[in-house]
mmCIF file of all heavy atoms, coordinates in Angstrom:
data_MODEL
# 
_entry.id   MODEL 
# 
loop_
_atom_site.group_PDB 
_atom_site.id 
_atom_site.type_symbol 
_atom_site.label_atom_id 
_atom_site.label_alt_id 
_atom_site.label_comp_id 
_atom_site.label_asym_id 
_atom_site.label_entity_id 
_atom_site.label_seq_id 
_atom_site.pdbx_PDB_ins_code 
_atom_site.Cartn_x 
_atom_site.Cartn_y 
_atom_site.Cartn_z 
_atom_site.occupancy 
_atom_site.B_iso_or_equiv 
_atom_site.pdbx_formal_charge 
_atom_site.auth_seq_id 
_atom_site.auth_comp_id 
_atom_site.auth_asym_id 
_atom_site.auth_atom_id 
_atom_site.pdbx_PDB_model_num 
ATOM 1   N N   . ILE A 1 1  ? -3.856  3.019   -12.432 1.00 0.00 ? 1  ILE A N   1 
ATOM 2   C CA  . ILE A 1 1  ? -2.788  3.111   -11.427 1.00 0.00 ? 1  ILE A CA  1 
ATOM 3   C C   . ILE A 1 1  ? -2.809  1.898   -10.506 1.00 0.00 ? 1  ILE A C   1 
ATOM 4   O O   . ILE A 1 1  ? -1.797  1.220   -10.313 1.00 0.00 ? 1  ILE A O   1 
ATOM 5   C CB  . ILE A 1 1  ? -2.957  4.401   -10.584 1.00 0.00 ? 1  ILE A CB  1 
ATOM 6   C CG1 . ILE A 1 1  ? -2.836  5.636   -11.479 1.00 0.00 ? 1  ILE A CG1 1 
ATOM 7   C CG2 . ILE A 1 1  ? -1.906  4.449   -9.468  1.00 0.00 ? 1  ILE A CG2 1 
ATOM 8   C CD1 . ILE A 1 1  ? -3.177  6.937   -10.783 1.00 0.00 ? 1  ILE A CD1 1 
ATOM 9   N N   . MET A 1 2  ? -3.979  1.575   -9.951  1.00 0.00 ? 2  MET A N   1 
ATOM 10  C CA  . MET A 1 2  ? -4.094  0.502   -8.969  1.00 0.00 ? 2  MET A CA  1 
ATOM 11  C C   . MET A 1 2  ? -4.027  -0.885  -9.597  1.00 0.00 ? 2  MET A C   1 
ATOM 12  O O   . MET A 1 2  ? -3.492  -1.820  -8.989  1.00 0.00 ? 2  MET A O   1 
ATOM 13  C CB  . MET A 1 2  ? -5.404  0.664   -8.188  1.00 0.00 ? 2  MET A CB  1 
ATOM 14  C CG  . MET A 1 2  ? -5.526  1.971   -7.432  1.00 0.00 ? 2  MET A CG  1 
ATOM 15  S SD  . MET A 1 2  ? -4.292  2.147   -6.119  1.00 0.00 ? 2  MET A SD  1 
ATOM 16  C CE  . MET A 1 2  ? -4.934  1.006   -4.895  1.00 0.00 ? 2  MET A CE  1 
ATOM 17  N N   . GLY A 1 3  ? -4.560  -1.037  -10.808 1.00 0.00 ? 3  GLY A N   1 
ATOM 18  C CA  . GLY A 1 3  ? -4.542  -2.340  -11.472 1.00 0.00 ? 3  GLY A CA  1 
ATOM 19  C C   . GLY A 1 3  ? -3.127  -2.838  -11.754 1.00 0.00 ? 3  GLY A C   1 
ATOM 20  O O   . GLY A 1 3  ? -2.757  -3.955  -11.348 1.00 0.00 ? 3  GLY A O   1 
ATOM 21  N N   . PRO A 1 4  ? -2.301  -2.051  -12.443 1.00 0.00 ? 4  PRO A N   1 
ATOM 22  C CA  . PRO A 1 4  ? -0.918  -2.469  -12.683 1.00 0.00 ? 4  PRO A CA  1 
ATOM 23  C C   . PRO A 1 4  ? -0.126  -2.669  -11.383 1.00 0.00 ? 4  PRO A C   1 
ATOM 24  O O   . PRO A 1 4  ? 0.744   -3.538  -11.323 1.00 0.00 ? 4  PRO A O   1 
ATOM 25  C CB  . PRO A 1 4  ? -0.341  -1.296  -13.493 1.00 0.00 ? 4  PRO A CB  1 
ATOM 26  C CG  . PRO A 1 4  ? -1.523  -0.705  -14.180 1.00 0.00 ? 4  PRO A CG  1 
ATOM 27  C CD  . PRO A 1 4  ? -2.644  -0.834  -13.200 1.00 0.00 ? 4  PRO A CD  1 
ATOM 28  N N   . LEU A 1 5  ? -0.443  -1.879  -10.354 1.00 0.00 ? 5  LEU A N   1 
ATOM 29  C CA  . LEU A 1 5  ? 0.225   -2.046  -9.064  1.00 0.00 ? 5  LEU A CA  1 
ATOM 30  C C   . LEU A 1 5  ? -0.073  -3.422  -8.487  1.00 0.00 ? 5  LEU A C   1 
ATOM 31  O O   . LEU A 1 5  ? 0.838   -4.122  -8.011  1.00 0.00 ? 5  LEU A O   1 
ATOM 32  C CB  . LEU A 1 5  ? -0.222  -0.956  -8.083  1.00 0.00 ? 5  LEU A CB  1 
ATOM 33  C CG  . LEU A 1 5  ? 0.324   -1.064  -6.647  1.00 0.00 ? 5  LEU A CG  1 
ATOM 34  C CD1 . LEU A 1 5  ? 1.843   -0.972  -6.644  1.00 0.00 ? 5  LEU A CD1 1 
ATOM 35  C CD2 . LEU A 1 5  ? -0.295  0.016   -5.756  1.00 0.00 ? 5  LEU A CD2 1 
ATOM 36  N N   . ALA A 1 6  ? -1.346  -3.850  -8.517  1.00 0.00 ? 6  ALA A N   1 
ATOM 37  C CA  . ALA A 1 6  ? -1.723  -5.168  -8.014  1.00 0.00 ? 6  ALA A CA  1 
ATOM 38  C C   . ALA A 1 6  ? -1.047  -6.270  -8.824  1.00 0.00 ? 6  ALA A C   1 
ATOM 39  O O   . ALA A 1 6  ? -0.510  -7.242  -8.266  1.00 0.00 ? 6  ALA A O   1 
ATOM 40  C CB  . ALA A 1 6  ? -3.239  -5.337  -8.068  1.00 0.00 ? 6  ALA A CB  1 
ATOM 41  N N   . THR A 1 7  ? -1.033  -6.130  -10.126 1.00 0.00 ? 7  THR A N   1 
ATOM 42  C CA  . THR A 1 7  ? -0.404  -7.137  -10.998 1.00 0.00 ? 7  THR A CA  1 
ATOM 43  C C   . THR A 1 7  ? 1.097   -7.225  -10.741 1.00 0.00 ? 7  THR A C   1 
ATOM 44  O O   . THR A 1 7  ? 1.670   -8.319  -10.684 1.00 0.00 ? 7  THR A O   1 
ATOM 45  C CB  . THR A 1 7  ? -0.670  -6.787  -12.472 1.00 0.00 ? 7  THR A CB  1 
ATOM 46  O OG1 . THR A 1 7  ? -2.079  -6.671  -12.692 1.00 0.00 ? 7  THR A OG1 1 
ATOM 47  C CG2 . THR A 1 7  ? -0.102  -7.855  -13.398 1.00 0.00 ? 7  THR A CG2 1 
ATOM 48  N N   . LYS A 1 8  ? 1.729   -6.095  -10.561 1.00 0.00 ? 8  LYS A N   1 
ATOM 49  C CA  . LYS A 1 8  ? 3.170   -6.046  -10.304 1.00 0.00 ? 8  LYS A CA  1 
ATOM 50  C C   . LYS A 1 8  ? 3.534   -6.776  -9.012  1.00 0.00 ? 8  LYS A C   1 
ATOM 51  O O   . LYS A 1 8  ? 4.582   -7.438  -8.917  1.00 0.00 ? 8  LYS A O   1 
ATOM 52  C CB  . LYS A 1 8  ? 3.628   -4.590  -10.236 1.00 0.00 ? 8  LYS A CB  1 
ATOM 53  C CG  . LYS A 1 8  ? 5.122   -4.411  -9.985  1.00 0.00 ? 8  LYS A CG  1 
ATOM 54  C CD  . LYS A 1 8  ? 5.474   -2.929  -9.915  1.00 0.00 ? 8  LYS A CD  1 
ATOM 55  C CE  . LYS A 1 8  ? 6.962   -2.735  -9.599  1.00 0.00 ? 8  LYS A CE  1 
ATOM 56  N NZ  . LYS A 1 8  ? 7.307   -1.293  -9.493  1.00 0.00 ? 8  LYS A NZ  1 
ATOM 57  N N   . LEU A 1 9  ? 2.634   -6.688  -8.014  1.00 0.00 ? 9  LEU A N   1 
ATOM 58  C CA  . LEU A 1 9  ? 2.891   -7.338  -6.731  1.00 0.00 ? 9  LEU A CA  1 
ATOM 59  C C   . LEU A 1 9  ? 2.420   -8.790  -6.709  1.00 0.00 ? 9  LEU A C   1 
ATOM 60  O O   . LEU A 1 9  ? 2.530   -9.472  -5.692  1.00 0.00 ? 9  LEU A O   1 
ATOM 61  C CB  . LEU A 1 9  ? 2.186   -6.557  -5.605  1.00 0.00 ? 9  LEU A CB  1 
ATOM 62  C CG  . LEU A 1 9  ? 2.665   -5.118  -5.376  1.00 0.00 ? 9  LEU A CG  1 
ATOM 63  C CD1 . LEU A 1 9  ? 1.800   -4.424  -4.339  1.00 0.00 ? 9  LEU A CD1 1 
ATOM 64  C CD2 . LEU A 1 9  ? 4.130   -5.105  -4.941  1.00 0.00 ? 9  LEU A CD2 1 
ATOM 65  N N   . GLY A 1 10 ? 1.889   -9.267  -7.851  1.00 0.00 ? 10 GLY A N   1 
ATOM 66  C CA  . GLY A 1 10 ? 1.455   -10.662 -7.949  1.00 0.00 ? 10 GLY A CA  1 
ATOM 67  C C   . GLY A 1 10 ? 0.053   -10.917 -7.442  1.00 0.00 ? 10 GLY A C   1 
ATOM 68  O O   . GLY A 1 10 ? -0.303  -12.060 -7.128  1.00 0.00 ? 10 GLY A O   1 
ATOM 69  N N   . PHE A 1 11 ? -0.780  -9.870  -7.376  1.00 0.00 ? 11 PHE A N   1 
ATOM 70  C CA  . PHE A 1 11 ? -2.142  -10.028 -6.874  1.00 0.00 ? 11 PHE A CA  1 
ATOM 71  C C   . PHE A 1 11 ? -3.152  -9.952  -8.019  1.00 0.00 ? 11 PHE A C   1 
ATOM 72  O O   . PHE A 1 11 ? -2.856  -9.466  -9.109  1.00 0.00 ? 11 PHE A O   1 
ATOM 73  C CB  . PHE A 1 11 ? -2.456  -8.966  -5.826  1.00 0.00 ? 11 PHE A CB  1 
ATOM 74  C CG  . PHE A 1 11 ? -1.551  -9.017  -4.627  1.00 0.00 ? 11 PHE A CG  1 
ATOM 75  C CD1 . PHE A 1 11 ? -0.883  -7.886  -4.182  1.00 0.00 ? 11 PHE A CD1 1 
ATOM 76  C CD2 . PHE A 1 11 ? -1.341  -10.214 -3.952  1.00 0.00 ? 11 PHE A CD2 1 
ATOM 77  C CE1 . PHE A 1 11 ? -0.049  -7.928  -3.080  1.00 0.00 ? 11 PHE A CE1 1 
ATOM 78  C CE2 . PHE A 1 11 ? -0.499  -10.272 -2.851  1.00 0.00 ? 11 PHE A CE2 1 
ATOM 79  C CZ  . PHE A 1 11 ? 0.156   -9.134  -2.417  1.00 0.00 ? 11 PHE A CZ  1 
ATOM 80  N N   . SER A 1 12 ? -4.353  -10.409 -7.753  1.00 0.00 ? 12 SER A N   1 
ATOM 81  C CA  . SER A 1 12 ? -5.400  -10.513 -8.772  1.00 0.00 ? 12 SER A CA  1 
ATOM 82  C C   . SER A 1 12 ? -5.986  -9.150  -9.143  1.00 0.00 ? 12 SER A C   1 
ATOM 83  O O   . SER A 1 12 ? -6.499  -8.437  -8.274  1.00 0.00 ? 12 SER A O   1 
ATOM 84  C CB  . SER A 1 12 ? -6.524  -11.423 -8.263  1.00 0.00 ? 12 SER A CB  1 
ATOM 85  O OG  . SER A 1 12 ? -7.682  -11.285 -9.051  1.00 0.00 ? 12 SER A OG  1 
ATOM 86  N N   . PRO A 1 13 ? -5.958  -8.795  -10.420 1.00 0.00 ? 13 PRO A N   1 
ATOM 87  C CA  . PRO A 1 13 ? -6.594  -7.534  -10.835 1.00 0.00 ? 13 PRO A CA  1 
ATOM 88  C C   . PRO A 1 13 ? -8.113  -7.611  -10.682 1.00 0.00 ? 13 PRO A C   1 
ATOM 89  O O   . PRO A 1 13 ? -8.768  -6.584  -10.477 1.00 0.00 ? 13 PRO A O   1 
ATOM 90  C CB  . PRO A 1 13 ? -6.170  -7.384  -12.302 1.00 0.00 ? 13 PRO A CB  1 
ATOM 91  C CG  . PRO A 1 13 ? -5.843  -8.771  -12.754 1.00 0.00 ? 13 PRO A CG  1 
ATOM 92  C CD  . PRO A 1 13 ? -5.288  -9.470  -11.553 1.00 0.00 ? 13 PRO A CD  1 
ATOM 93  N N   . GLU A 1 14 ? -8.670  -8.854  -10.786 1.00 0.00 ? 14 GLU A N   1 
ATOM 94  C CA  . GLU A 1 14 ? -10.118 -9.014  -10.616 1.00 0.00 ? 14 GLU A CA  1 
ATOM 95  C C   . GLU A 1 14 ? -10.542 -8.648  -9.193  1.00 0.00 ? 14 GLU A C   1 
ATOM 96  O O   . GLU A 1 14 ? -11.564 -7.977  -8.992  1.00 0.00 ? 14 GLU A O   1 
ATOM 97  C CB  . GLU A 1 14 ? -10.542 -10.461 -10.921 1.00 0.00 ? 14 GLU A CB  1 
ATOM 98  C CG  . GLU A 1 14 ? -10.384 -10.870 -12.365 1.00 0.00 ? 14 GLU A CG  1 
ATOM 99  C CD  . GLU A 1 14 ? -8.982  -11.377 -12.686 1.00 0.00 ? 14 GLU A CD  1 
ATOM 100 O OE1 . GLU A 1 14 ? -8.137  -11.425 -11.757 1.00 0.00 ? 14 GLU A OE1 1 
ATOM 101 O OE2 . GLU A 1 14 ? -8.733  -11.733 -13.848 1.00 0.00 ? 14 GLU A OE2 1 
ATOM 102 N N   . VAL A 1 15 ? -9.763  -9.082  -8.208  1.00 0.00 ? 15 VAL A N   1 
ATOM 103 C CA  . VAL A 1 15 ? -10.078 -8.733  -6.823  1.00 0.00 ? 15 VAL A CA  1 
ATOM 104 C C   . VAL A 1 15 ? -9.913  -7.241  -6.612  1.00 0.00 ? 15 VAL A C   1 
ATOM 105 O O   . VAL A 1 15 ? -10.685 -6.612  -5.875  1.00 0.00 ? 15 VAL A O   1 
ATOM 106 C CB  . VAL A 1 15 ? -9.189  -9.527  -5.839  1.00 0.00 ? 15 VAL A CB  1 
ATOM 107 C CG1 . VAL A 1 15 ? -9.486  -9.110  -4.396  1.00 0.00 ? 15 VAL A CG1 1 
ATOM 108 C CG2 . VAL A 1 15 ? -9.411  -11.020 -5.997  1.00 0.00 ? 15 VAL A CG2 1 
ATOM 109 N N   . MET A 1 16 ? -8.923  -6.634  -7.265  1.00 0.00 ? 16 MET A N   1 
ATOM 110 C CA  . MET A 1 16 ? -8.734  -5.194  -7.146  1.00 0.00 ? 16 MET A CA  1 
ATOM 111 C C   . MET A 1 16 ? -9.955  -4.447  -7.688  1.00 0.00 ? 16 MET A C   1 
ATOM 112 O O   . MET A 1 16 ? -10.394 -3.441  -7.113  1.00 0.00 ? 16 MET A O   1 
ATOM 113 C CB  . MET A 1 16 ? -7.477  -4.756  -7.903  1.00 0.00 ? 16 MET A CB  1 
ATOM 114 C CG  . MET A 1 16 ? -7.214  -3.251  -7.854  1.00 0.00 ? 16 MET A CG  1 
ATOM 115 S SD  . MET A 1 16 ? -7.118  -2.589  -6.158  1.00 0.00 ? 16 MET A SD  1 
ATOM 116 C CE  . MET A 1 16 ? -5.530  -3.231  -5.647  1.00 0.00 ? 16 MET A CE  1 
ATOM 117 N N   . VAL A 1 17 ? -10.530 -4.954  -8.775  1.00 0.00 ? 17 VAL A N   1 
ATOM 118 C CA  . VAL A 1 17 ? -11.746 -4.351  -9.325  1.00 0.00 ? 17 VAL A CA  1 
ATOM 119 C C   . VAL A 1 17 ? -12.870 -4.399  -8.295  1.00 0.00 ? 17 VAL A C   1 
ATOM 120 O O   . VAL A 1 17 ? -13.598 -3.423  -8.087  1.00 0.00 ? 17 VAL A O   1 
ATOM 121 C CB  . VAL A 1 17 ? -12.180 -5.071  -10.626 1.00 0.00 ? 17 VAL A CB  1 
ATOM 122 C CG1 . VAL A 1 17 ? -13.584 -4.624  -11.041 1.00 0.00 ? 17 VAL A CG1 1 
ATOM 123 C CG2 . VAL A 1 17 ? -11.190 -4.794  -11.742 1.00 0.00 ? 17 VAL A CG2 1 
ATOM 124 N N   . MET A 1 18 ? -13.003 -5.556  -7.618  1.00 0.00 ? 18 MET A N   1 
ATOM 125 C CA  . MET A 1 18 ? -14.074 -5.696  -6.647  1.00 0.00 ? 18 MET A CA  1 
ATOM 126 C C   . MET A 1 18 ? -13.795 -4.923  -5.357  1.00 0.00 ? 18 MET A C   1 
ATOM 127 O O   . MET A 1 18 ? -14.722 -4.501  -4.673  1.00 0.00 ? 18 MET A O   1 
ATOM 128 C CB  . MET A 1 18 ? -14.318 -7.174  -6.336  1.00 0.00 ? 18 MET A CB  1 
ATOM 129 C CG  . MET A 1 18 ? -14.867 -7.966  -7.521  1.00 0.00 ? 18 MET A CG  1 
ATOM 130 S SD  . MET A 1 18 ? -16.196 -7.119  -8.418  1.00 0.00 ? 18 MET A SD  1 
ATOM 131 C CE  . MET A 1 18 ? -17.412 -6.869  -7.137  1.00 0.00 ? 18 MET A CE  1 
ATOM 132 N N   . ILE A 1 19 ? -12.519 -4.728  -5.026  1.00 0.00 ? 19 ILE A N   1 
ATOM 133 C CA  . ILE A 1 19 ? -12.179 -3.872  -3.877  1.00 0.00 ? 19 ILE A CA  1 
ATOM 134 C C   . ILE A 1 19 ? -12.648 -2.441  -4.168  1.00 0.00 ? 19 ILE A C   1 
ATOM 135 O O   . ILE A 1 19 ? -13.249 -1.785  -3.313  1.00 0.00 ? 19 ILE A O   1 
ATOM 136 C CB  . ILE A 1 19 ? -10.664 -3.902  -3.596  1.00 0.00 ? 19 ILE A CB  1 
ATOM 137 C CG1 . ILE A 1 19 ? -10.264 -5.256  -2.997  1.00 0.00 ? 19 ILE A CG1 1 
ATOM 138 C CG2 . ILE A 1 19 ? -10.259 -2.762  -2.659  1.00 0.00 ? 19 ILE A CG2 1 
ATOM 139 C CD1 . ILE A 1 19 ? -8.771  -5.435  -2.829  1.00 0.00 ? 19 ILE A CD1 1 
ATOM 140 N N   . PHE A 1 20 ? -12.363 -1.997  -5.375  1.00 0.00 ? 20 PHE A N   1 
ATOM 141 C CA  . PHE A 1 20 ? -12.831 -0.671  -5.791  1.00 0.00 ? 20 PHE A CA  1 
ATOM 142 C C   . PHE A 1 20 ? -14.357 -0.587  -5.722  1.00 0.00 ? 20 PHE A C   1 
ATOM 143 O O   . PHE A 1 20 ? -14.926 0.366   -5.166  1.00 0.00 ? 20 PHE A O   1 
ATOM 144 C CB  . PHE A 1 20 ? -12.346 -0.371  -7.210  1.00 0.00 ? 20 PHE A CB  1 
ATOM 145 C CG  . PHE A 1 20 ? -13.347 0.320   -8.086  1.00 0.00 ? 20 PHE A CG  1 
ATOM 146 C CD1 . PHE A 1 20 ? -13.668 1.659   -7.881  1.00 0.00 ? 20 PHE A CD1 1 
ATOM 147 C CD2 . PHE A 1 20 ? -13.999 -0.371  -9.112  1.00 0.00 ? 20 PHE A CD2 1 
ATOM 148 C CE1 . PHE A 1 20 ? -14.611 2.284   -8.676  1.00 0.00 ? 20 PHE A CE1 1 
ATOM 149 C CE2 . PHE A 1 20 ? -14.930 0.251   -9.904  1.00 0.00 ? 20 PHE A CE2 1 
ATOM 150 C CZ  . PHE A 1 20 ? -15.244 1.573   -9.685  1.00 0.00 ? 20 PHE A CZ  1 
ATOM 151 N N   . SER A 1 21 ? -15.048 -1.599  -6.268  1.00 0.00 ? 21 SER A N   1 
ATOM 152 C CA  . SER A 1 21 ? -16.507 -1.592  -6.307  1.00 0.00 ? 21 SER A CA  1 
ATOM 153 C C   . SER A 1 21 ? -17.105 -1.608  -4.901  1.00 0.00 ? 21 SER A C   1 
ATOM 154 O O   . SER A 1 21 ? -18.038 -0.850  -4.597  1.00 0.00 ? 21 SER A O   1 
ATOM 155 C CB  . SER A 1 21 ? -17.016 -2.807  -7.099  1.00 0.00 ? 21 SER A CB  1 
ATOM 156 O OG  . SER A 1 21 ? -18.423 -2.847  -7.124  1.00 0.00 ? 21 SER A OG  1 
ATOM 157 N N   . ALA A 1 22 ? -16.546 -2.471  -4.022  1.00 0.00 ? 22 ALA A N   1 
ATOM 158 C CA  . ALA A 1 22 ? -17.079 -2.609  -2.663  1.00 0.00 ? 22 ALA A CA  1 
ATOM 159 C C   . ALA A 1 22 ? -16.840 -1.353  -1.829  1.00 0.00 ? 22 ALA A C   1 
ATOM 160 O O   . ALA A 1 22 ? -17.734 -0.896  -1.100  1.00 0.00 ? 22 ALA A O   1 
ATOM 161 C CB  . ALA A 1 22 ? -16.453 -3.817  -1.978  1.00 0.00 ? 22 ALA A CB  1 
ATOM 162 N N   . ALA A 1 23 ? -15.642 -0.787  -1.931  1.00 0.00 ? 23 ALA A N   1 
ATOM 163 C CA  . ALA A 1 23 ? -15.311 0.390   -1.124  1.00 0.00 ? 23 ALA A CA  1 
ATOM 164 C C   . ALA A 1 23 ? -16.081 1.621   -1.586  1.00 0.00 ? 23 ALA A C   1 
ATOM 165 O O   . ALA A 1 23 ? -16.658 2.357   -0.768  1.00 0.00 ? 23 ALA A O   1 
ATOM 166 C CB  . ALA A 1 23 ? -13.807 0.658   -1.179  1.00 0.00 ? 23 ALA A CB  1 
ATOM 167 N N   . SER A 1 24 ? -16.094 1.851   -2.893  1.00 0.00 ? 24 SER A N   1 
ATOM 168 C CA  . SER A 1 24 ? -16.830 3.019   -3.394  1.00 0.00 ? 24 SER A CA  1 
ATOM 169 C C   . SER A 1 24 ? -18.323 2.839   -3.152  1.00 0.00 ? 24 SER A C   1 
ATOM 170 O O   . SER A 1 24 ? -19.042 3.798   -2.863  1.00 0.00 ? 24 SER A O   1 
ATOM 171 C CB  . SER A 1 24 ? -16.549 3.235   -4.883  1.00 0.00 ? 24 SER A CB  1 
ATOM 172 O OG  . SER A 1 24 ? -16.983 2.127   -5.659  1.00 0.00 ? 24 SER A OG  1 
ATOM 173 N N   . GLY A 1 25 ? -18.796 1.580   -3.249  1.00 0.00 ? 25 GLY A N   1 
ATOM 174 C CA  . GLY A 1 25 ? -20.204 1.309   -2.980  1.00 0.00 ? 25 GLY A CA  1 
ATOM 175 C C   . GLY A 1 25 ? -20.576 1.586   -1.540  1.00 0.00 ? 25 GLY A C   1 
ATOM 176 O O   . GLY A 1 25 ? -21.654 2.120   -1.247  1.00 0.00 ? 25 GLY A O   1 
ATOM 177 N N   . ALA A 1 26 ? -19.678 1.239   -0.605  1.00 0.00 ? 26 ALA A N   1 
ATOM 178 C CA  . ALA A 1 26 ? -19.940 1.503   0.816   1.00 0.00 ? 26 ALA A CA  1 
ATOM 179 C C   . ALA A 1 26 ? -20.021 3.004   1.088   1.00 0.00 ? 26 ALA A C   1 
ATOM 180 O O   . ALA A 1 26 ? -20.906 3.470   1.823   1.00 0.00 ? 26 ALA A O   1 
ATOM 181 C CB  . ALA A 1 26 ? -18.846 0.863   1.676   1.00 0.00 ? 26 ALA A CB  1 
ATOM 182 N N   . VAL A 1 27 ? -19.108 3.759   0.496   1.00 0.00 ? 27 VAL A N   1 
ATOM 183 C CA  . VAL A 1 27 ? -19.119 5.218   0.690   1.00 0.00 ? 27 VAL A CA  1 
ATOM 184 C C   . VAL A 1 27 ? -20.388 5.823   0.106   1.00 0.00 ? 27 VAL A C   1 
ATOM 185 O O   . VAL A 1 27 ? -20.994 6.728   0.697   1.00 0.00 ? 27 VAL A O   1 
ATOM 186 C CB  . VAL A 1 27 ? -17.873 5.857   0.045   1.00 0.00 ? 27 VAL A CB  1 
ATOM 187 C CG1 . VAL A 1 27 ? -17.991 7.380   0.022   1.00 0.00 ? 27 VAL A CG1 1 
ATOM 188 C CG2 . VAL A 1 27 ? -16.624 5.451   0.807   1.00 0.00 ? 27 VAL A CG2 1 
# 
């Protein structure tokens, strides 16, 4: 869901992966 959303808006899917990793890791 989030990956295609980032790509559609012209943003990096790699950064989205790390946003997921960093946020879930913090929790």
